[in-house]
Amino acid sequence: MDFGNIKYVIISKDDVLSVDFSKVINTSADMLRYSTNGNKAVVKYKGLQPNFLSGETEYTHSEILAVLEDVDGEWYEENDA
């Protein structure tokens, strides 16, 4: 898969209800990556940022990997190593 065109946004668990899954790569809430405490989720998409994600920080593939792989962060799990 070409990750160069994929963009990522971290949203709160409460905002998952507002995601239009027809406009993102994830096909359902079950397909999102959640933080270890379940309070945040990563949404991925191609192209322009969908309106329902407006104002959220956009990450490239390498940037989101740095967030997810930070051993001191809220996304890291032992089985990620």
PDB file of N, CA and C in Angstrom:
ATOM      1  N   MET A   1       0.838  -1.179   0.000  1.00  0.00           N
ATOM      2  CA  MET A   1       0.000   0.000   0.000  1.00  0.00           C
ATOM      3  C   MET A   1       0.884   1.243   0.000  1.00  0.00           C
ATOM      4  N   ASP A   2       0.512   2.247  -0.770  1.00  0.00           N
ATOM      5  CA  ASP A   2       1.233   3.513  -0.828  1.00  0.00           C
ATOM      6  C   ASP A   2       0.746   4.402   0.311  1.00  0.00           C
ATOM      7  N   PHE A   3       1.546   4.519   1.361  1.00  0.00           N
ATOM      8  CA  PHE A   3       1.154   5.313   2.521  1.00  0.00           C
ATOM      9  C   PHE A   3       1.367   6.801   2.305  1.00  0.00           C
ATOM     10  N   GLY A   4       2.031   7.192   1.224  1.00  0.00           N
ATOM     11  CA  GLY A   4       2.316   8.595   0.953  1.00  0.00           C
ATOM     12  C   GLY A   4       1.076   9.453   0.777  1.00  0.00           C
ATOM     13  N   ASN A   5      -0.001   8.867   0.293  1.00  0.00           N
ATOM     14  CA  ASN A   5      -1.230   9.624   0.057  1.00  0.00           C
ATOM     15  C   ASN A   5      -2.213   9.539   1.222  1.00  0.00           C
ATOM     16  N   ILE A   6      -1.905   8.745   2.225  1.00  0.00           N
ATOM     17  CA  ILE A   6      -2.826   8.568   3.347  1.00  0.00           C
ATOM     18  C   ILE A   6      -2.502   9.588   4.432  1.00  0.00           C
ATOM     19  N   LYS A   7      -3.564  10.172   4.984  1.00  0.00           N
ATOM     20  CA  LYS A   7      -3.430  11.128   6.080  1.00  0.00           C
ATOM     21  C   LYS A   7      -4.180  10.578   7.284  1.00  0.00           C
ATOM     22  N   TYR A   8      -3.775  11.021   8.471  1.00  0.00           N
ATOM     23  CA  TYR A   8      -4.313  10.487   9.718  1.00  0.00           C
ATOM     24  C   TYR A   8      -4.726  11.634  10.636  1.00  0.00           C
ATOM     25  N   VAL A   9      -5.780  11.398  11.408  1.00  0.00           N
ATOM     26  CA  VAL A   9      -6.250  12.359  12.394  1.00  0.00           C
ATOM     27  C   VAL A   9      -6.583  11.587  13.665  1.00  0.00           C
ATOM     28  N   ILE A  10      -6.251  12.162  14.805  1.00  0.00           N
ATOM     29  CA  ILE A  10      -6.619  11.578  16.089  1.00  0.00           C
ATOM     30  C   ILE A  10      -7.847  12.325  16.601  1.00  0.00           C
ATOM     31  N   ILE A  11      -8.899  11.575  16.923  1.00  0.00           N
ATOM     32  CA  ILE A  11     -10.129  12.181  17.431  1.00  0.00           C
ATOM     33  C   ILE A  11     -10.492  11.562  18.779  1.00  0.00           C
ATOM     34  N   SER A  12     -11.375  12.222  19.495  1.00  0.00           N
ATOM     35  CA  SER A  12     -11.847  11.659  20.760  1.00  0.00           C
ATOM     36  C   SER A  12     -12.843  10.541  20.482  1.00  0.00           C
ATOM     37  N   LYS A  13     -12.999   9.663  21.442  1.00  0.00           N
ATOM     38  CA  LYS A  13     -13.953   8.557  21.307  1.00  0.00           C
ATOM     39  C   LYS A  13     -15.358   9.098  21.026  1.00  0.00           C
ATOM     40  N   ASP A  14     -15.718  10.206  21.657  1.00  0.00           N
ATOM     41  CA  ASP A  14     -17.041  10.801  21.459  1.00  0.00           C
ATOM     42  C   ASP A  14     -17.258  11.263  20.015  1.00  0.00           C
ATOM     43  N   ASP A  15     -16.187  11.669  19.332  1.00  0.00           N
ATOM     44  CA  ASP A  15     -16.300  12.140  17.954  1.00  0.00           C
ATOM     45  C   ASP A  15     -16.422  11.010  16.936  1.00  0.00           C
ATOM     46  N   VAL A  16     -16.185   9.772  17.356  1.00  0.00           N
ATOM     47  CA  VAL A  16     -16.303   8.634  16.436  1.00  0.00           C
ATOM     48  C   VAL A  16     -17.721   8.566  15.861  1.00  0.00           C
ATOM     49  N   LEU A  17     -18.708   8.957  16.631  1.00  0.00           N
ATOM     50  CA  LEU A  17     -20.099   8.927  16.161  1.00  0.00           C
ATOM     51  C   LEU A  17     -20.338   9.856  14.974  1.00  0.00           C
ATOM     52  N   SER A  18     -19.506  10.891  14.819  1.00  0.00           N
ATOM     53  CA  SER A  18     -19.687  11.847  13.723  1.00  0.00           C
ATOM     54  C   SER A  18     -18.919  11.467  12.457  1.00  0.00           C
ATOM     55  N   VAL A  19     -18.169  10.374  12.487  1.00  0.00           N
ATOM     56  CA  VAL A  19     -17.375   9.962  11.320  1.00  0.00           C
ATOM     57  C   VAL A  19     -18.286   9.385  10.244  1.00  0.00           C
ATOM     58  N   ASP A  20     -18.144   9.923   9.038  1.00  0.00           N
ATOM     59  CA  ASP A  20     -18.849   9.386   7.864  1.00  0.00           C
ATOM     60  C   ASP A  20     -17.895   8.366   7.235  1.00  0.00           C
ATOM     61  N   PHE A  21     -18.131   7.100   7.509  1.00  0.00           N
ATOM     62  CA  PHE A  21     -17.204   6.058   7.079  1.00  0.00           C
ATOM     63  C   PHE A  21     -17.174   5.854   5.567  1.00  0.00           C
ATOM     64  N   SER A  22     -18.073   6.495   4.832  1.00  0.00           N
ATOM     65  CA  SER A  22     -18.012   6.436   3.374  1.00  0.00           C
ATOM     66  C   SER A  22     -16.954   7.396   2.830  1.00  0.00           C
ATOM     67  N   LYS A  23     -16.412   8.281   3.687  1.00  0.00           N
ATOM     68  CA  LYS A  23     -15.435   9.274   3.250  1.00  0.00           C
ATOM     69  C   LYS A  23     -14.040   9.037   3.803  1.00  0.00           C
ATOM     70  N   VAL A  24     -13.836   7.924   4.506  1.00  0.00           N
ATOM     71  CA  VAL A  24     -12.528   7.604   5.060  1.00  0.00           C
ATOM     72  C   VAL A  24     -12.145   6.170   4.689  1.00  0.00           C
ATOM     73  N   ILE A  25     -10.914   5.809   4.943  1.00  0.00           N
ATOM     74  CA  ILE A  25     -10.432   4.470   4.618  1.00  0.00           C
ATOM     75  C   ILE A  25     -11.004   3.434   5.581  1.00  0.00           C
ATOM     76  N   ASN A  26     -11.110   3.801   6.861  1.00  0.00           N
ATOM     77  CA  ASN A  26     -11.689   2.889   7.852  1.00  0.00           C
ATOM     78  C   ASN A  26     -13.149   2.648   7.487  1.00  0.00           C
ATOM     79  N   THR A  27     -13.594   1.419   7.542  1.00  0.00           N
ATOM     80  CA  THR A  27     -14.962   1.105   7.112  1.00  0.00           C
ATOM     81  C   THR A  27     -15.985   1.116   8.237  1.00  0.00           C
ATOM     82  N   SER A  28     -15.509   1.157   9.490  1.00  0.00           N
ATOM     83  CA  SER A  28     -16.421   1.193  10.638  1.00  0.00           C
ATOM     84  C   SER A  28     -15.645   1.606  11.879  1.00  0.00           C
ATOM     85  N   ALA A  29     -16.373   1.892  12.950  1.00  0.00           N
ATOM     86  CA  ALA A  29     -15.731   2.247  14.216  1.00  0.00           C
ATOM     87  C   ALA A  29     -14.865   1.110  14.730  1.00  0.00           C
ATOM     88  N   ASP A  30     -15.229  -0.107  14.418  1.00  0.00           N
ATOM     89  CA  ASP A  30     -14.450  -1.272  14.848  1.00  0.00           C
ATOM     90  C   ASP A  30     -13.092  -1.359  14.149  1.00  0.00           C
ATOM     91  N   MET A  31     -12.943  -0.668  13.025  1.00  0.00           N
ATOM     92  CA  MET A  31     -11.698  -0.719  12.259  1.00  0.00           C
ATOM     93  C   MET A  31     -10.725   0.390  12.646  1.00  0.00           C
ATOM     94  N   LEU A  32     -11.090   1.245  13.605  1.00  0.00           N
ATOM     95  CA  LEU A  32     -10.210   2.315  14.050  1.00  0.00           C
ATOM     96  C   LEU A  32      -9.190   1.783  15.050  1.00  0.00           C
ATOM     97  N   ARG A  33      -8.048   2.432  15.118  1.00  0.00           N
ATOM     98  CA  ARG A  33      -7.047   2.123  16.156  1.00  0.00           C
ATOM     99  C   ARG A  33      -7.353   3.023  17.344  1.00  0.00           C
ATOM    100  N   TYR A  34      -7.555   2.433  18.513  1.00  0.00           N
ATOM    101  CA  TYR A  34      -7.889   3.173  19.724  1.00  0.00           C
ATOM    102  C   TYR A  34      -6.694   3.244  20.660  1.00  0.00           C
ATOM    103  N   SER A  35      -6.619   4.335  21.429  1.00  0.00           N
ATOM    104  CA  SER A  35      -5.584   4.468  22.443  1.00  0.00           C
ATOM    105  C   SER A  35      -5.759   3.376  23.487  1.00  0.00           C
ATOM    106  N   THR A  36      -4.735   3.143  24.282  1.00  0.00           N
ATOM    107  CA  THR A  36      -4.792   2.055  25.258  1.00  0.00           C
ATOM    108  C   THR A  36      -5.916   2.250  26.276  1.00  0.00           C
ATOM    109  N   ASN A  37      -6.294   3.495  26.561  1.00  0.00           N
ATOM    110  CA  ASN A  37      -7.400   3.735  27.491  1.00  0.00           C
ATOM    111  C   ASN A  37      -8.750   3.843  26.774  1.00  0.00           C
ATOM    112  N   GLY A  38      -8.734   3.764  25.436  1.00  0.00           N
ATOM    113  CA  GLY A  38      -9.965   3.786  24.652  1.00  0.00           C
ATOM    114  C   GLY A  38     -10.587   5.156  24.457  1.00  0.00           C
ATOM    115  N   ASN A  39      -9.905   6.221  24.885  1.00  0.00           N
ATOM    116  CA  ASN A  39     -10.480   7.567  24.804  1.00  0.00           C
ATOM    117  C   ASN A  39     -10.246   8.273  23.476  1.00  0.00           C
ATOM    118  N   LYS A  40      -9.324   7.777  22.647  1.00  0.00           N
ATOM    119  CA  LYS A  40      -9.006   8.407  21.367  1.00  0.00           C
ATOM    120  C   LYS A  40      -8.934   7.349  20.277  1.00  0.00           C
ATOM    121  N   ALA A  41      -9.110   7.804  19.033  1.00  0.00           N
ATOM    122  CA  ALA A  41      -9.051   6.900  17.887  1.00  0.00           C
ATOM    123  C   ALA A  41      -8.343   7.584  16.722  1.00  0.00           C
ATOM    124  N   VAL A  42      -7.741   6.776  15.859  1.00  0.00           N
ATOM    125  CA  VAL A  42      -7.075   7.280  14.655  1.00  0.00           C
ATOM    126  C   VAL A  42      -7.967   6.991  13.457  1.00  0.00           C
ATOM    127  N   VAL A  43      -8.233   8.036  12.676  1.00  0.00           N
ATOM    128  CA  VAL A  43      -9.007   7.919  11.438  1.00  0.00           C
ATOM    129  C   VAL A  43      -8.041   8.172  10.289  1.00  0.00           C
ATOM    130  N   LYS A  44      -8.137   7.370   9.219  1.00  0.00           N
ATOM    131  CA  LYS A  44      -7.265   7.588   8.065  1.00  0.00           C
ATOM    132  C   LYS A  44      -8.098   7.815   6.811  1.00  0.00           C
ATOM    133  N   TYR A  45      -7.547   8.662   5.931  1.00  0.00           N
ATOM    134  CA  TYR A  45      -8.257   9.039   4.708  1.00  0.00           C
ATOM    135  C   TYR A  45      -7.252   9.468   3.644  1.00  0.00           C
ATOM    136  N   LYS A  46      -7.730   9.592   2.430  1.00  0.00           N
ATOM    137  CA  LYS A  46      -6.920  10.082   1.312  1.00  0.00           C
ATOM    138  C   LYS A  46      -7.509  11.406   0.843  1.00  0.00           C
ATOM    139  N   GLY A  47      -6.663  12.247   0.290  1.00  0.00           N
ATOM    140  CA  GLY A  47      -7.139  13.501  -0.282  1.00  0.00           C
ATOM    141  C   GLY A  47      -7.364  14.566   0.772  1.00  0.00           C
ATOM    142  N   LEU A  48      -8.354  15.416   0.490  1.00  0.00           N
ATOM    143  CA  LEU A  48      -8.656  16.517   1.394  1.00  0.00           C
ATOM    144  C   LEU A  48      -9.288  16.026   2.685  1.00  0.00           C
ATOM    145  N   GLN A  49      -9.042  16.753   3.746  1.00  0.00           N
ATOM    146  CA  GLN A  49      -9.608  16.408   5.044  1.00  0.00           C
ATOM    147  C   GLN A  49     -11.127  16.553   4.992  1.00  0.00           C
ATOM    148  N   PRO A  50     -11.874  15.491   5.307  1.00  0.00           N
ATOM    149  CA  PRO A  50     -13.336  15.573   5.297  1.00  0.00           C
ATOM    150  C   PRO A  50     -13.831  16.642   6.277  1.00  0.00           C
ATOM    151  N   ASN A  51     -14.968  17.262   5.963  1.00  0.00           N
ATOM    152  CA  ASN A  51     -15.516  18.348   6.780  1.00  0.00           C
ATOM    153  C   ASN A  51     -15.699  17.959   8.234  1.00  0.00           C
ATOM    154  N   PHE A  52     -16.111  16.734   8.505  1.00  0.00           N
ATOM    155  CA  PHE A  52     -16.365  16.322   9.884  1.00  0.00           C
ATOM    156  C   PHE A  52     -15.081  16.199  10.700  1.00  0.00           C
ATOM    157  N   LEU A  53     -13.922  16.273  10.037  1.00  0.00           N
ATOM    158  CA  LEU A  53     -12.631  16.262  10.731  1.00  0.00           C
ATOM    159  C   LEU A  53     -11.979  17.641  10.712  1.00  0.00           C
ATOM    160  N   SER A  54     -12.694  18.628  10.233  1.00  0.00           N
ATOM    161  CA  SER A  54     -12.162  19.980  10.083  1.00  0.00           C
ATOM    162  C   SER A  54     -11.577  20.509  11.392  1.00  0.00           C
ATOM    163  N   GLY A  55     -10.387  21.056  11.287  1.00  0.00           N
ATOM    164  CA  GLY A  55      -9.723  21.637  12.442  1.00  0.00           C
ATOM    165  C   GLY A  55      -8.864  20.667  13.231  1.00  0.00           C
ATOM    166  N   GLU A  56      -8.951  19.381  12.925  1.00  0.00           N
ATOM    167  CA  GLU A  56      -8.136  18.387  13.631  1.00  0.00           C
ATOM    168  C   GLU A  56      -6.727  18.362  13.028  1.00  0.00           C
ATOM    169  N   THR A  57      -5.747  18.062  13.849  1.00  0.00           N
ATOM    170  CA  THR A  57      -4.362  17.973  13.390  1.00  0.00           C
ATOM    171  C   THR A  57      -4.206  16.790  12.446  1.00  0.00           C
ATOM    172  N   GLU A  58      -3.591  17.053  11.305  1.00  0.00           N
ATOM    173  CA  GLU A  58      -3.391  16.028  10.279  1.00  0.00           C
ATOM    174  C   GLU A  58      -1.958  15.500  10.380  1.00  0.00           C
ATOM    175  N   TYR A  59      -1.810  14.186  10.303  1.00  0.00           N
ATOM    176  CA  TYR A  59      -0.502  13.538  10.392  1.00  0.00           C
ATOM    177  C   TYR A  59      -0.199  12.772   9.112  1.00  0.00           C
ATOM    178  N   THR A  60       1.094  12.727   8.746  1.00  0.00           N
ATOM    179  CA  THR A  60       1.543  11.860   7.663  1.00  0.00           C
ATOM    180  C   THR A  60       1.732  10.459   8.254  1.00  0.00           C
ATOM    181  N   HIS A  61       2.046   9.502   7.406  1.00  0.00           N
ATOM    182  CA  HIS A  61       2.265   8.136   7.880  1.00  0.00           C
ATOM    183  C   HIS A  61       3.427   8.078   8.877  1.00  0.00           C
ATOM    184  N   SER A  62       4.540   8.698   8.548  1.00  0.00           N
ATOM    185  CA  SER A  62       5.689   8.647   9.458  1.00  0.00           C
ATOM    186  C   SER A  62       5.394   9.388  10.760  1.00  0.00           C
ATOM    187  N   GLU A  63       4.638  10.480  10.703  1.00  0.00           N
ATOM    188  CA  GLU A  63       4.298  11.217  11.920  1.00  0.00           C
ATOM    189  C   GLU A  63       3.382  10.399  12.836  1.00  0.00           C
ATOM    190  N   ILE A  64       2.387   9.734  12.267  1.00  0.00           N
ATOM    191  CA  ILE A  64       1.467   8.953  13.104  1.00  0.00           C
ATOM    192  C   ILE A  64       2.187   7.738  13.683  1.00  0.00           C
ATOM    193  N   LEU A  65       3.109   7.148  12.934  1.00  0.00           N
ATOM    194  CA  LEU A  65       3.886   6.024  13.477  1.00  0.00           C
ATOM    195  C   LEU A  65       4.693   6.464  14.692  1.00  0.00           C
ATOM    196  N   ALA A  66       5.270   7.662  14.639  1.00  0.00           N
ATOM    197  CA  ALA A  66       6.032   8.172  15.776  1.00  0.00           C
ATOM    198  C   ALA A  66       5.133   8.321  17.002  1.00  0.00           C
ATOM    199  N   VAL A  67       3.916   8.758  16.811  1.00  0.00           N
ATOM    200  CA  VAL A  67       2.963   8.896  17.917  1.00  0.00           C
ATOM    201  C   VAL A  67       2.580   7.515  18.456  1.00  0.00           C
ATOM    202  N   LEU A  68       2.224   6.607  17.563  1.00  0.00           N
ATOM    203  CA  LEU A  68       1.743   5.290  17.976  1.00  0.00           C
ATOM    204  C   LEU A  68       2.830   4.423  18.605  1.00  0.00           C
ATOM    205  N   GLU A  69       4.081   4.637  18.196  1.00  0.00           N
ATOM    206  CA  GLU A  69       5.183   3.799  18.675  1.00  0.00           C
ATOM    207  C   GLU A  69       5.936   4.409  19.855  1.00  0.00           C
ATOM    208  N   ASP A  70       5.504   5.553  20.345  1.00  0.00           N
ATOM    209  CA  ASP A  70       6.145   6.194  21.498  1.00  0.00           C
ATOM    210  C   ASP A  70       5.867   5.359  22.746  1.00  0.00           C
ATOM    211  N   VAL A  71       6.898   4.748  23.311  1.00  0.00           N
ATOM    212  CA  VAL A  71       6.709   3.850  24.457  1.00  0.00           C
ATOM    213  C   VAL A  71       6.178   4.582  25.682  1.00  0.00           C
ATOM    214  N   ASP A  72       6.312   5.884  25.734  1.00  0.00           N
ATOM    215  CA  ASP A  72       5.788   6.674  26.851  1.00  0.00           C
ATOM    216  C   ASP A  72       4.408   7.256  26.544  1.00  0.00           C
ATOM    217  N   GLY A  73       3.886   6.972  25.354  1.00  0.00           N
ATOM    218  CA  GLY A  73       2.614   7.547  24.938  1.00  0.00           C
ATOM    219  C   GLY A  73       1.429   6.684  25.288  1.00  0.00           C
ATOM    220  N   GLU A  74       0.246   7.166  24.921  1.00  0.00           N
ATOM    221  CA  GLU A  74      -0.997   6.471  25.266  1.00  0.00           C
ATOM    222  C   GLU A  74      -1.452   5.458  24.213  1.00  0.00           C
ATOM    223  N   TRP A  75      -0.622   5.214  23.204  1.00  0.00           N
ATOM    224  CA  TRP A  75      -0.987   4.274  22.138  1.00  0.00           C
ATOM    225  C   TRP A  75      -0.180   2.992  22.187  1.00  0.00           C
ATOM    226  N   TYR A  76       0.932   3.033  22.851  1.00  0.00           N
ATOM    227  CA  TYR A  76       1.877   1.921  22.832  1.00  0.00           C
ATOM    228  C   TYR A  76       1.383   0.734  23.677  1.00  0.00           C
ATOM    229  N   GLU A  77       1.485  -0.426  23.093  1.00  0.00           N
ATOM    230  CA  GLU A  77       1.204  -1.670  23.810  1.00  0.00           C
ATOM    231  C   GLU A  77       2.415  -2.565  23.663  1.00  0.00           C
ATOM    232  N   GLU A  78       2.679  -3.377  24.643  1.00  0.00           N
ATOM    233  CA  GLU A  78       3.851  -4.259  24.610  1.00  0.00           C
ATOM    234  C   GLU A  78       3.928  -5.089  23.336  1.00  0.00           C
ATOM    235  N   ASN A  79       2.798  -5.540  22.814  1.00  0.00           N
ATOM    236  CA  ASN A  79       2.824  -6.369  21.619  1.00  0.00           C
ATOM    237  C   ASN A  79       3.131  -5.578  20.351  1.00  0.00           C
ATOM    238  N   ASP A  80       3.255  -4.236  20.459  1.00  0.00           N
ATOM    239  CA  ASP A  80       3.652  -3.409  19.320  1.00  0.00           C
ATOM    240  C   ASP A  80       5.151  -3.519  19.056  1.00  0.00           C
ATOM    241  N   ALA A  81       5.904  -3.922  20.054  1.00  0.00           N
ATOM    242  CA  ALA A  81       7.367  -3.945  19.944  1.00  0.00           C
ATOM    243  C   ALA A  81       7.830  -5.056  19.024  1.00  0.00           C
TER     244      ALA A  81
END
